Amino acid sequence: MKNRKKMAMTARTYITIGSLVVLLLWIVIGASQNASTRGLTGDFLGGVASPFIGLVSAILVYLSFQQQIQANKIQMEALKQESKRNNIRSTLNILKSEISDLILENPGDDHKTYHGMLAFEKFVELLHRSSSEAIANNENVADTIYSVLFIMQKEMAGMGGLTEELLKEFVDEFHIFYTLRLAKSLNSIESVSGNVTIDNIKESKRELVGMFQSYGYNI
């Protein structure tokens, strides 16, 4: 950027000085000549000035191309950022939808059905009560929670290409999503063991918490 500004200033300087020199030569030389020789003098000055003007014009064209290339790069980067923004926004919406679509049926409670976060909370309650039948019939809840955590990890690991502003925006949103919808129930299953999916959930939860902490969030 500094080089282009310097070249632009140089080109303007050359144009100004060149124009003044040609004008002064025309005034000084032309004033001492009669009408019959002024035409020859004009041709001479034009021949001298033409290469100089051509050089300056080439510099200006080069600078124009450079500015256009830079503008195109800025536009492309803006499009990439917008594409990443849309992809992450779409992922967040999918995760929220996955949580909202959770369904749990409790055979020990007149087959009552729970939805969304209530389904997750009820599943955690069944884990602590060791209701093996209810747990076996609702493993989809644990699988969904594990998938949600895994996708969150992948998304946060791939956000390095975002601008600082967008990075802060989306880490905030993931953090809010985690703390408001998942953290309480996830923390309550730390003492549960003996189930492979639950162990995977706990491991993913610890890795995700570590990611948030690396961004300065205390969880």
Protein backbone atom coordinates (compact mmCIF):
# COMPACT_ATOMS: atom_id res chain seq x y z
CA MET A 1 0.00 0.00 0.00
CA LYS A 2 2.79 2.44 0.88
CA ASN A 3 4.62 1.61 -2.36
CA ARG A 4 1.53 2.31 -4.43
CA LYS A 5 0.97 5.64 -2.72
CA LYS A 6 4.61 6.53 -3.29
CA MET A 7 4.39 5.59 -6.97
CA ALA A 8 1.18 7.58 -7.38
CA MET A 9 2.81 10.65 -5.83
CA THR A 10 5.85 10.16 -8.09
CA ALA A 11 3.66 9.92 -11.18
CA ARG A 12 1.78 13.09 -10.25
CA THR A 13 5.07 14.87 -9.60
CA TYR A 14 6.46 13.82 -12.98
CA ILE A 15 3.32 14.96 -14.76
CA THR A 16 3.39 18.34 -13.03
CA ILE A 17 7.09 18.94 -13.54
CA GLY A 18 7.00 17.65 -17.11
CA SER A 19 4.09 19.88 -18.03
CA LEU A 20 5.81 22.91 -16.53
CA VAL A 21 9.07 22.13 -18.32
CA VAL A 22 7.35 21.77 -21.69
CA LEU A 23 5.39 24.97 -21.10
CA LEU A 24 8.49 26.93 -20.09
CA LEU A 25 10.46 25.64 -23.06
CA TRP A 26 7.66 26.61 -25.36
CA ILE A 27 7.46 30.08 -23.86
CA VAL A 28 11.23 30.69 -23.79
CA ILE A 29 12.15 29.14 -27.12
CA GLY A 30 8.97 30.02 -28.92
CA ALA A 31 9.15 33.68 -27.90
CA SER A 32 12.57 34.09 -29.57
CA GLN A 33 11.45 32.59 -32.87
CA ASN A 34 9.37 33.85 -35.70
CA ALA A 35 6.15 32.29 -36.86
CA SER A 36 7.84 30.19 -39.58
CA THR A 37 10.08 28.29 -37.13
CA ARG A 38 7.67 27.91 -34.21
CA GLY A 39 6.02 24.93 -35.86
CA LEU A 40 9.33 23.07 -35.99
CA THR A 41 9.97 23.92 -32.35
CA GLY A 42 6.56 22.60 -31.40
CA ASP A 43 7.24 19.34 -33.21
CA PHE A 44 10.58 19.04 -31.41
CA LEU A 45 9.03 19.63 -27.98
CA GLY A 46 6.24 17.20 -28.78
CA GLY A 47 8.76 14.54 -29.76
CA VAL A 48 10.69 15.06 -26.55
CA ALA A 49 7.60 15.08 -24.35
CA SER A 50 5.82 12.08 -25.92
CA PRO A 51 8.06 9.34 -24.42
CA PHE A 52 7.87 11.02 -21.03
CA ILE A 53 4.08 11.23 -21.19
CA GLY A 54 3.92 7.61 -22.34
CA LEU A 55 6.02 6.49 -19.38
CA VAL A 56 3.84 8.36 -16.92
CA SER A 57 0.71 6.93 -18.55
CA ALA A 58 2.13 3.40 -18.20
CA ILE A 59 2.83 4.00 -14.51
CA LEU A 60 -0.71 5.26 -13.96
CA VAL A 61 -2.18 2.24 -15.78
CA TYR A 62 -0.03 -0.09 -13.65
CA LEU A 63 -1.17 1.63 -10.46
CA SER A 64 -4.78 1.37 -11.60
CA PHE A 65 -4.39 -2.38 -12.17
CA GLN A 66 -2.75 -2.83 -8.77
CA GLN A 67 -5.57 -0.99 -7.03
CA GLN A 68 -8.14 -3.13 -8.87
CA ILE A 69 -6.31 -6.32 -7.85
CA GLN A 70 -6.26 -5.17 -4.23
CA ALA A 71 -9.97 -4.30 -4.37
CA ASN A 72 -10.72 -7.76 -5.80
CA LYS A 73 -8.72 -9.41 -2.98
CA ILE A 74 -10.66 -7.44 -0.36
CA GLN A 75 -13.94 -8.40 -2.01
CA MET A 76 -12.98 -12.08 -2.19
CA GLU A 77 -11.97 -12.10 1.48
CA ALA A 78 -15.28 -10.48 2.42
CA LEU A 79 -17.14 -13.17 0.45
CA LYS A 80 -15.14 -15.92 2.20
CA GLN A 81 -15.93 -14.44 5.61
CA GLU A 82 -19.62 -14.19 4.72
CA SER A 83 -19.63 -17.80 3.53
CA LYS A 84 -18.00 -18.95 6.79
CA ARG A 85 -20.50 -16.85 8.75
CA ASN A 86 -23.41 -18.52 6.95
CA ASN A 87 -21.97 -22.02 7.43
CA ILE A 88 -21.43 -21.54 11.17
CA ARG A 89 -24.84 -19.92 11.57
CA SER A 90 -26.38 -22.91 9.78
CA THR A 91 -24.50 -25.32 12.06
CA LEU A 92 -25.72 -23.51 15.17
CA ASN A 93 -29.30 -23.71 13.93
CA ILE A 94 -28.90 -27.44 13.24
CA LEU A 95 -27.51 -28.04 16.75
CA LYS A 96 -30.37 -26.14 18.34
CA SER A 97 -32.82 -28.12 16.23
CA GLU A 98 -31.21 -31.41 17.25
CA ILE A 99 -31.63 -30.54 20.93
CA SER A 100 -35.22 -29.37 20.40
CA ASP A 101 -36.07 -32.61 18.56
CA LEU A 102 -34.92 -34.93 21.36
CA ILE A 103 -37.59 -37.44 22.39
CA LEU A 104 -37.52 -39.74 25.41
CA GLU A 105 -40.14 -42.30 26.45
CA ASN A 106 -40.12 -43.46 30.06
CA PRO A 107 -41.64 -46.95 30.38
CA GLY A 108 -41.66 -46.61 34.17
CA ASP A 109 -43.84 -43.49 34.05
CA ASP A 110 -46.84 -44.74 32.04
CA HIS A 111 -44.75 -44.37 28.90
CA LYS A 112 -44.78 -40.62 29.28
CA THR A 113 -42.90 -38.85 26.48
CA TYR A 114 -40.48 -35.95 27.03
CA HIS A 115 -39.21 -33.56 24.37
CA GLY A 116 -36.24 -31.24 23.91
CA MET A 117 -34.19 -30.37 26.96
CA LEU A 118 -36.68 -32.14 29.21
CA ALA A 119 -35.83 -35.35 27.36
CA PHE A 120 -32.12 -34.83 28.03
CA GLU A 121 -32.70 -33.96 31.68
CA LYS A 122 -34.95 -36.99 32.14
CA PHE A 123 -32.33 -39.21 30.50
CA VAL A 124 -29.71 -37.97 32.98
CA GLU A 125 -32.15 -38.64 35.81
CA LEU A 126 -32.64 -42.21 34.56
CA LEU A 127 -28.85 -42.66 34.41
CA HIS A 128 -28.56 -41.80 38.08
CA ARG A 129 -31.47 -44.09 38.96
CA SER A 130 -29.93 -46.92 36.89
CA SER A 131 -33.19 -47.52 35.06
CA SER A 132 -31.62 -49.90 32.56
CA GLU A 133 -34.79 -50.45 30.51
CA ALA A 134 -35.47 -46.75 30.10
CA ILE A 135 -31.82 -46.09 29.23
CA ALA A 136 -31.68 -48.93 26.71
CA ASN A 137 -34.85 -47.68 25.00
CA ASN A 138 -33.55 -44.10 24.77
CA GLU A 139 -29.92 -44.41 23.74
CA ASN A 140 -30.75 -42.07 20.85
CA VAL A 141 -30.73 -39.22 23.38
CA ALA A 142 -27.14 -39.95 24.43
CA ASP A 143 -26.08 -40.45 20.80
CA THR A 144 -27.57 -37.08 19.83
CA ILE A 145 -25.87 -35.26 22.71
CA TYR A 146 -22.55 -36.84 21.77
CA SER A 147 -23.01 -35.80 18.13
CA VAL A 148 -23.85 -32.23 19.18
CA LEU A 149 -20.72 -31.97 21.32
CA PHE A 150 -18.57 -33.49 18.56
CA ILE A 151 -19.88 -31.03 15.95
CA MET A 152 -19.31 -28.12 18.32
CA GLN A 153 -15.69 -29.21 18.76
CA LYS A 154 -15.17 -29.49 15.01
CA GLU A 155 -16.72 -26.08 14.34
CA MET A 156 -14.71 -24.31 17.02
CA ALA A 157 -11.49 -25.98 15.83
CA GLY A 158 -12.15 -24.68 12.30
CA MET A 159 -12.86 -21.05 13.17
CA GLY A 160 -9.24 -19.90 12.88
CA GLY A 161 -9.85 -18.26 9.49
CA LEU A 162 -12.45 -15.84 10.80
CA THR A 163 -11.84 -12.20 11.52
CA GLU A 164 -11.38 -11.36 15.19
CA GLU A 165 -14.86 -9.82 15.31
CA LEU A 166 -16.61 -12.87 13.83
CA LEU A 167 -14.53 -15.24 15.94
CA LYS A 168 -15.65 -13.47 19.13
CA GLU A 169 -19.26 -13.44 17.91
CA PHE A 170 -19.47 -17.17 17.25
CA VAL A 171 -17.45 -18.34 20.25
CA ASP A 172 -19.89 -16.28 22.33
CA GLU A 173 -22.83 -17.99 20.67
CA PHE A 174 -21.40 -21.50 21.11
CA HIS A 175 -20.62 -20.66 24.73
CA ILE A 176 -24.15 -19.41 25.37
CA PHE A 177 -25.61 -22.48 23.66
CA TYR A 178 -23.43 -24.77 25.76
CA THR A 179 -24.01 -23.10 29.12
CA LEU A 180 -27.76 -22.57 28.72
CA ARG A 181 -28.72 -25.90 27.14
CA LEU A 182 -26.09 -28.49 28.01
CA ALA A 183 -23.79 -27.60 30.88
CA LYS A 184 -26.07 -28.39 33.82
CA SER A 185 -27.02 -31.88 32.66
CA LEU A 186 -23.52 -32.64 31.36
CA ASN A 187 -21.98 -31.74 34.71
CA SER A 188 -24.42 -34.03 36.49
CA ILE A 189 -23.28 -37.15 34.59
CA GLU A 190 -19.63 -36.87 35.60
CA SER A 191 -20.17 -39.50 38.29
CA VAL A 192 -21.90 -41.92 35.89
CA SER A 193 -19.75 -44.70 34.44
CA GLY A 194 -20.02 -48.03 32.70
CA ASN A 195 -21.62 -46.80 29.49
CA VAL A 196 -19.42 -46.28 26.42
CA THR A 197 -21.55 -43.48 24.95
CA ILE A 198 -21.69 -41.65 28.27
CA ASP A 199 -17.92 -41.97 28.64
CA ASN A 200 -17.55 -40.48 25.14
CA ILE A 201 -19.87 -37.64 26.10
CA LYS A 202 -17.82 -36.88 29.20
CA GLU A 203 -14.58 -36.88 27.20
CA SER A 204 -16.04 -34.59 24.53
CA LYS A 205 -17.38 -32.31 27.23
CA ARG A 206 -13.93 -31.96 28.81
CA GLU A 207 -12.32 -31.18 25.44
CA LEU A 208 -15.00 -28.60 24.64
CA VAL A 209 -14.59 -26.94 28.03
CA GLY A 210 -10.84 -26.77 27.35
CA MET A 211 -11.55 -24.98 24.06
CA PHE A 212 -13.75 -22.42 25.77
CA GLN A 213 -11.10 -21.85 28.41
CA SER A 214 -8.49 -21.28 25.67
CA TYR A 215 -10.69 -18.38 24.48
CA GLY A 216 -10.83 -16.95 27.99
CA TYR A 217 -14.15 -18.37 29.21
CA ASN A 218 -14.38 -19.75 32.73
CA ILE A 219 -16.64 -22.79 32.90
